[in-house]
Amino acid sequence: MTEKSATPVLLAAIKGRQTMKYICLGYYDKSKHDAMTEAEKQAMFDACFTYDDHLRANGHWVGGEPIQPSETALTLYWKNGKVATTDGPYAETKEQLGGILILEARDMNHAHQLISHHPSLKYGAIFEIRPAGDLNEMLKASEQRRRQKAAR
């Protein structure tokens, strides 16, 4: 079994840890962010990147990416038998999704503990934490069905 094919829980067990991946969705209020001075923004980013370095050094950082503002979004959906699109976000809200952070933690309480120290919270950010799903068994079943179908 390669590391890429192992499920997150299995991979953690193989490495001698009992951990799971958690997806942390980071939201912010654009108007609050826009009202910050450049010095305040720089201080916030420096504090956030320092904390990200701490997460990396302690084996909790799996990955993360910022995303562009919601007005750059393209929403796709199914309508009248075909794919339709709308410029902009799926939902109009005061807070915008600003990025994702993927953590490795023992459980939800541990993920909560790690994110509760994230400096962006002091600047008004909101984090939603969800356990990562494991599609490994569903993928195996689908592959088996597709192989059977192709063999006919």
C-alpha atoms as a PDB file:
ATOM      1  CA  MET A   1       0.000   0.000   0.000  1.00  0.00           C
ATOM      2  CA  THR A   2       1.391   3.394  -0.949  1.00  0.00           C
ATOM      3  CA  GLU A   3       0.883   6.494   1.138  1.00  0.00           C
ATOM      4  CA  LYS A   4      -1.177   8.043  -1.649  1.00  0.00           C
ATOM      5  CA  SER A   5      -3.629   5.129  -1.711  1.00  0.00           C
ATOM      6  CA  ALA A   6      -3.988   4.888   2.064  1.00  0.00           C
ATOM      7  CA  THR A   7      -6.953   6.529   3.722  1.00  0.00           C
ATOM      8  CA  PRO A   8      -6.122   9.362   6.138  1.00  0.00           C
ATOM      9  CA  VAL A   9      -6.957   7.261   9.189  1.00  0.00           C
ATOM     10  CA  LEU A  10      -5.018   4.266   7.876  1.00  0.00           C
ATOM     11  CA  LEU A  11      -2.066   6.450   6.924  1.00  0.00           C
ATOM     12  CA  ALA A  12      -1.946   7.906  10.411  1.00  0.00           C
ATOM     13  CA  ALA A  13      -2.089   4.417  11.923  1.00  0.00           C
ATOM     14  CA  ILE A  14       0.706   3.239   9.609  1.00  0.00           C
ATOM     15  CA  LYS A  15       2.865   6.140  10.779  1.00  0.00           C
ATOM     16  CA  GLY A  16       2.126   5.226  14.410  1.00  0.00           C
ATOM     17  CA  ARG A  17      -0.376   8.014  15.073  1.00  0.00           C
ATOM     18  CA  GLN A  18      -4.105   7.856  15.527  1.00  0.00           C
ATOM     19  CA  THR A  19      -5.145  11.013  13.721  1.00  0.00           C
ATOM     20  CA  MET A  20      -7.680  12.162  11.179  1.00  0.00           C
ATOM     21  CA  LYS A  21      -7.883  15.021   8.717  1.00  0.00           C
ATOM     22  CA  TYR A  22     -10.103  18.009   9.407  1.00  0.00           C
ATOM     23  CA  ILE A  23     -11.106  20.627   6.865  1.00  0.00           C
ATOM     24  CA  CYS A  24     -11.231  24.133   8.345  1.00  0.00           C
ATOM     25  CA  LEU A  25     -13.168  26.649   6.288  1.00  0.00           C
ATOM     26  CA  GLY A  26     -12.060  30.178   7.095  1.00  0.00           C
ATOM     27  CA  TYR A  27     -14.583  32.995   6.667  1.00  0.00           C
ATOM     28  CA  TYR A  28     -14.091  36.731   7.002  1.00  0.00           C
ATOM     29  CA  ASP A  29     -16.129  39.913   6.809  1.00  0.00           C
ATOM     30  CA  LYS A  30     -14.848  41.769   3.747  1.00  0.00           C
ATOM     31  CA  SER A  31     -15.944  45.172   5.049  1.00  0.00           C
ATOM     32  CA  LYS A  32     -13.954  44.669   8.279  1.00  0.00           C
ATOM     33  CA  HIS A  33     -10.943  43.476   6.303  1.00  0.00           C
ATOM     34  CA  ASP A  34     -11.164  46.449   3.914  1.00  0.00           C
ATOM     35  CA  ALA A  35     -11.326  48.855   6.891  1.00  0.00           C
ATOM     36  CA  MET A  36      -7.999  47.600   8.288  1.00  0.00           C
ATOM     37  CA  THR A  37      -4.885  49.675   7.730  1.00  0.00           C
ATOM     38  CA  GLU A  38      -2.049  48.173   5.726  1.00  0.00           C
ATOM     39  CA  ALA A  39      -0.025  47.834   8.950  1.00  0.00           C
ATOM     40  CA  GLU A  40      -2.901  45.949  10.630  1.00  0.00           C
ATOM     41  CA  LYS A  41      -3.214  43.611   7.630  1.00  0.00           C
ATOM     42  CA  GLN A  42       0.530  42.944   7.631  1.00  0.00           C
ATOM     43  CA  ALA A  43       0.516  42.244  11.380  1.00  0.00           C
ATOM     44  CA  MET A  44      -2.423  39.851  10.969  1.00  0.00           C
ATOM     45  CA  PHE A  45      -0.806  37.966   8.077  1.00  0.00           C
ATOM     46  CA  ASP A  46       2.526  37.756   9.893  1.00  0.00           C
ATOM     47  CA  ALA A  47       0.802  36.313  12.986  1.00  0.00           C
ATOM     48  CA  CYS A  48      -1.206  33.854  10.875  1.00  0.00           C
ATOM     49  CA  PHE A  49       1.834  32.653   8.919  1.00  0.00           C
ATOM     50  CA  THR A  50       3.782  32.251  12.170  1.00  0.00           C
ATOM     51  CA  TYR A  51       0.980  30.053  13.535  1.00  0.00           C
ATOM     52  CA  ASP A  52       0.883  28.067  10.274  1.00  0.00           C
ATOM     53  CA  ASP A  53       4.625  27.450  10.728  1.00  0.00           C
ATOM     54  CA  HIS A  54       3.890  26.202  14.263  1.00  0.00           C
ATOM     55  CA  LEU A  55       1.266  23.784  12.902  1.00  0.00           C
ATOM     56  CA  ARG A  56       3.757  22.522  10.269  1.00  0.00           C
ATOM     57  CA  ALA A  57       6.530  22.058  12.827  1.00  0.00           C
ATOM     58  CA  ASN A  58       4.226  19.992  15.032  1.00  0.00           C
ATOM     59  CA  GLY A  59       2.862  17.759  12.250  1.00  0.00           C
ATOM     60  CA  HIS A  60      -0.671  19.189  12.177  1.00  0.00           C
ATOM     61  CA  TRP A  61      -0.513  21.106   8.875  1.00  0.00           C
ATOM     62  CA  VAL A  62      -1.678  19.038   5.911  1.00  0.00           C
ATOM     63  CA  GLY A  63      -2.332  21.921   3.531  1.00  0.00           C
ATOM     64  CA  GLY A  64      -4.190  25.106   2.952  1.00  0.00           C
ATOM     65  CA  GLU A  65      -5.023  27.637   0.296  1.00  0.00           C
ATOM     66  CA  PRO A  66      -6.517  31.112   0.214  1.00  0.00           C
ATOM     67  CA  ILE A  67      -9.216  31.729  -2.359  1.00  0.00           C
ATOM     68  CA  GLN A  68     -10.064  34.806  -4.387  1.00  0.00           C
ATOM     69  CA  PRO A  69     -13.042  37.016  -3.377  1.00  0.00           C
ATOM     70  CA  SER A  70     -16.577  35.739  -3.946  1.00  0.00           C
ATOM     71  CA  GLU A  71     -17.173  38.079  -6.874  1.00  0.00           C
ATOM     72  CA  THR A  72     -14.629  36.010  -8.843  1.00  0.00           C
ATOM     73  CA  ALA A  73     -16.682  32.818  -8.358  1.00  0.00           C
ATOM     74  CA  LEU A  74     -18.505  30.908 -11.055  1.00  0.00           C
ATOM     75  CA  THR A  75     -21.382  28.736  -9.814  1.00  0.00           C
ATOM     76  CA  LEU A  76     -22.390  25.658 -11.832  1.00  0.00           C
ATOM     77  CA  TYR A  77     -25.655  23.752 -11.494  1.00  0.00           C
ATOM     78  CA  TRP A  78     -27.974  21.465 -13.459  1.00  0.00           C
ATOM     79  CA  LYS A  79     -30.990  23.090 -15.096  1.00  0.00           C
ATOM     80  CA  ASN A  80     -33.298  21.858 -17.859  1.00  0.00           C
ATOM     81  CA  GLY A  81     -31.096  18.879 -18.666  1.00  0.00           C
ATOM     82  CA  LYS A  82     -27.801  20.742 -18.948  1.00  0.00           C
ATOM     83  CA  VAL A  83     -25.172  22.578 -16.957  1.00  0.00           C
ATOM     84  CA  ALA A  84     -25.979  26.220 -16.271  1.00  0.00           C
ATOM     85  CA  THR A  85     -23.742  28.841 -14.731  1.00  0.00           C
ATOM     86  CA  THR A  86     -24.091  32.012 -12.718  1.00  0.00           C
ATOM     87  CA  ASP A  87     -21.360  34.558 -12.104  1.00  0.00           C
ATOM     88  CA  GLY A  88     -20.695  35.005  -8.417  1.00  0.00           C
ATOM     89  CA  PRO A  89     -21.042  32.898  -5.296  1.00  0.00           C
ATOM     90  CA  TYR A  90     -23.645  30.222  -4.626  1.00  0.00           C
ATOM     91  CA  ALA A  91     -24.884  32.007  -1.513  1.00  0.00           C
ATOM     92  CA  GLU A  92     -24.882  35.720  -0.802  1.00  0.00           C
ATOM     93  CA  THR A  93     -23.688  36.242   2.765  1.00  0.00           C
ATOM     94  CA  LYS A  94     -21.957  38.963   4.751  1.00  0.00           C
ATOM     95  CA  GLU A  95     -19.016  36.653   5.437  1.00  0.00           C
ATOM     96  CA  GLN A  96     -16.947  35.299   2.576  1.00  0.00           C
ATOM     97  CA  LEU A  97     -15.055  32.053   2.402  1.00  0.00           C
ATOM     98  CA  GLY A  98     -11.445  33.188   2.427  1.00  0.00           C
ATOM     99  CA  GLY A  99      -9.651  29.870   2.325  1.00  0.00           C
ATOM    100  CA  ILE A 100      -9.279  26.346   3.591  1.00  0.00           C
ATOM    101  CA  LEU A 101      -6.867  24.773   6.024  1.00  0.00           C
ATOM    102  CA  ILE A 102      -6.440  21.018   6.342  1.00  0.00           C
ATOM    103  CA  LEU A 103      -5.323  19.805   9.749  1.00  0.00           C
ATOM    104  CA  GLU A 104      -4.271  16.454  11.084  1.00  0.00           C
ATOM    105  CA  ALA A 105      -5.641  16.030  14.618  1.00  0.00           C
ATOM    106  CA  ARG A 106      -6.536  13.250  17.056  1.00  0.00           C
ATOM    107  CA  ASP A 107     -10.236  14.138  17.118  1.00  0.00           C
ATOM    108  CA  MET A 108     -12.647  17.071  16.763  1.00  0.00           C
ATOM    109  CA  ASN A 109     -11.707  18.378  20.214  1.00  0.00           C
ATOM    110  CA  HIS A 110      -8.041  18.442  19.209  1.00  0.00           C
ATOM    111  CA  ALA A 111      -8.876  20.186  15.884  1.00  0.00           C
ATOM    112  CA  HIS A 112     -10.946  22.719  17.851  1.00  0.00           C
ATOM    113  CA  GLN A 113      -8.042  23.282  20.226  1.00  0.00           C
ATOM    114  CA  LEU A 114      -5.599  23.847  17.346  1.00  0.00           C
ATOM    115  CA  ILE A 115      -7.825  26.273  15.431  1.00  0.00           C
ATOM    116  CA  SER A 116      -8.867  28.147  18.583  1.00  0.00           C
ATOM    117  CA  HIS A 117      -5.290  29.491  18.721  1.00  0.00           C
ATOM    118  CA  HIS A 118      -5.348  30.779  15.131  1.00  0.00           C
ATOM    119  CA  PRO A 119      -4.560  34.518  15.227  1.00  0.00           C
ATOM    120  CA  SER A 120      -7.094  35.417  12.521  1.00  0.00           C
ATOM    121  CA  LEU A 121      -9.892  34.789  15.033  1.00  0.00           C
ATOM    122  CA  LYS A 122      -8.780  37.937  16.875  1.00  0.00           C
ATOM    123  CA  TYR A 123      -9.333  39.853  13.631  1.00  0.00           C
ATOM    124  CA  GLY A 124     -12.904  38.618  13.170  1.00  0.00           C
ATOM    125  CA  ALA A 125     -12.366  35.433  11.159  1.00  0.00           C
ATOM    126  CA  ILE A 126     -14.748  32.532  11.639  1.00  0.00           C
ATOM    127  CA  PHE A 127     -13.710  28.898  11.196  1.00  0.00           C
ATOM    128  CA  GLU A 128     -15.998  25.989  10.426  1.00  0.00           C
ATOM    129  CA  ILE A 129     -14.314  22.634  11.140  1.00  0.00           C
ATOM    130  CA  ARG A 130     -15.488  19.408   9.505  1.00  0.00           C
ATOM    131  CA  PRO A 131     -13.979  15.918   9.545  1.00  0.00           C
ATOM    132  CA  ALA A 132     -12.686  14.928   6.120  1.00  0.00           C
ATOM    133  CA  GLY A 133     -14.741  12.220   4.456  1.00  0.00           C
ATOM    134  CA  ASP A 134     -13.348   8.873   3.454  1.00  0.00           C
ATOM    135  CA  LEU A 135     -14.510   7.800  -0.003  1.00  0.00           C
ATOM    136  CA  ASN A 136     -12.123   4.841  -0.201  1.00  0.00           C
ATOM    137  CA  GLU A 137     -14.777   2.095   0.143  1.00  0.00           C
ATOM    138  CA  MET A 138     -17.216   3.925  -2.129  1.00  0.00           C
ATOM    139  CA  LEU A 139     -14.455   4.335  -4.737  1.00  0.00           C
ATOM    140  CA  LYS A 140     -13.545   0.640  -4.573  1.00  0.00           C
ATOM    141  CA  ALA A 141     -17.193  -0.370  -5.067  1.00  0.00           C
ATOM    142  CA  SER A 142     -17.537   2.028  -8.006  1.00  0.00           C
ATOM    143  CA  GLU A 143     -14.344   0.732  -9.625  1.00  0.00           C
ATOM    144  CA  GLN A 144     -15.644  -2.829  -9.289  1.00  0.00           C
ATOM    145  CA  ARG A 145     -19.006  -1.907 -10.888  1.00  0.00           C
ATOM    146  CA  ARG A 146     -17.265  -0.075 -13.742  1.00  0.00           C
ATOM    147  CA  ARG A 147     -14.908  -3.017 -14.392  1.00  0.00           C
ATOM    148  CA  GLN A 148     -17.888  -5.397 -14.477  1.00  0.00           C
ATOM    149  CA  LYS A 149     -19.742  -3.084 -16.849  1.00  0.00           C
ATOM    150  CA  ALA A 150     -16.709  -2.764 -19.146  1.00  0.00           C
ATOM    151  CA  ALA A 151     -16.256  -6.572 -19.219  1.00  0.00           C
ATOM    152  CA  ARG A 152     -19.765  -7.098 -20.632  1.00  0.00           C
END
